[in-house]
Amino acid sequence: MGGPAGRPAGIVLGTAIALATLVPMLKGPTGQGPYIPPLLYGSFAGAVVMLGLTAVTDPARAALRRETLEG
């Protein structure tokens, strides 16, 4: 899942998978779905985006900083 479209797709897919397991697990004993605090969810989503950007930009910067074989 590289590129700009991969990060939001990964967040959506990860959320869907987590909810697919959490909702039935909590509906049985409590009768209610899980409560996900928006600030906590947003911070995790932001961390995923930042890690993705760092994983792409750091190696690119390192590669561009090196001298060429001709130089």
Protein backbone atom coordinates (compact mmCIF):
# COMPACT_ATOMS: atom_id res chain seq x y z
CA MET A 1 0.00 0.00 0.00
CA GLY A 2 2.42 2.64 -1.12
CA GLY A 3 1.70 6.09 -2.32
CA PRO A 4 -0.70 8.73 -1.11
CA ALA A 5 -3.80 6.61 -1.71
CA GLY A 6 -2.41 3.65 0.25
CA ARG A 7 -2.35 5.28 3.67
CA PRO A 8 -6.05 6.20 3.89
CA ALA A 9 -6.96 2.85 2.35
CA GLY A 10 -4.88 1.10 5.00
CA ILE A 11 -6.54 3.09 7.78
CA VAL A 12 -10.02 2.30 6.44
CA LEU A 13 -9.20 -1.38 5.94
CA GLY A 14 -7.63 -1.69 9.39
CA THR A 15 -10.64 0.00 10.98
CA ALA A 16 -13.04 -2.30 9.15
CA ILE A 17 -11.14 -5.40 10.25
CA ALA A 18 -10.97 -4.22 13.87
CA LEU A 19 -14.68 -3.39 13.93
CA ALA A 20 -15.58 -6.71 12.32
CA THR A 21 -14.04 -8.48 15.31
CA LEU A 22 -14.87 -6.00 18.09
CA VAL A 23 -18.55 -5.39 17.38
CA PRO A 24 -19.72 -9.02 17.69
CA MET A 25 -17.42 -9.61 20.65
CA LEU A 26 -18.94 -6.69 22.59
CA LYS A 27 -22.54 -6.98 21.37
CA GLY A 28 -22.89 -10.43 22.93
CA PRO A 29 -22.16 -9.62 26.59
CA THR A 30 -23.12 -5.92 26.67
CA GLY A 31 -25.65 -5.44 23.87
CA GLN A 32 -23.76 -2.33 22.70
CA GLY A 33 -21.06 -1.70 20.17
CA PRO A 34 -17.57 -0.54 21.12
CA TYR A 35 -16.94 3.10 21.97
CA ILE A 36 -13.95 4.51 20.13
CA PRO A 37 -12.87 7.95 21.39
CA PRO A 38 -12.49 10.22 18.33
CA LEU A 39 -9.33 11.89 19.64
CA LEU A 40 -7.63 8.55 20.23
CA TYR A 41 -8.69 7.24 16.81
CA GLY A 42 -7.48 10.44 15.16
CA SER A 43 -4.13 10.24 16.90
CA PHE A 44 -3.62 6.65 15.71
CA ALA A 45 -4.63 7.60 12.16
CA GLY A 46 -2.27 10.57 12.26
CA ALA A 47 0.55 8.38 13.52
CA VAL A 48 -0.02 5.95 10.65
CA VAL A 49 0.16 8.77 8.11
CA MET A 50 3.31 10.23 9.68
CA LEU A 51 5.03 6.83 9.81
CA GLY A 52 4.14 6.24 6.18
CA LEU A 53 5.50 9.60 5.11
CA THR A 54 8.68 9.08 7.12
CA ALA A 55 9.17 5.60 5.66
CA VAL A 56 9.01 7.08 2.17
CA THR A 57 10.87 10.37 2.56
CA ASP A 58 13.82 9.35 4.75
CA PRO A 59 15.27 6.75 2.35
CA ALA A 60 14.68 9.11 -0.58
CA ARG A 61 16.53 11.94 1.16
CA ALA A 62 19.41 9.62 2.05
CA ALA A 63 19.67 8.42 -1.54
CA LEU A 64 19.63 11.95 -2.92
CA ARG A 65 22.29 13.15 -0.46
CA ARG A 66 24.90 10.63 -1.57
CA GLU A 67 27.49 11.56 -4.12
CA THR A 68 27.28 9.97 -7.54
CA LEU A 69 29.90 7.54 -8.79
CA GLU A 70 31.14 10.12 -11.29
CA GLY A 71 31.63 12.78 -8.59
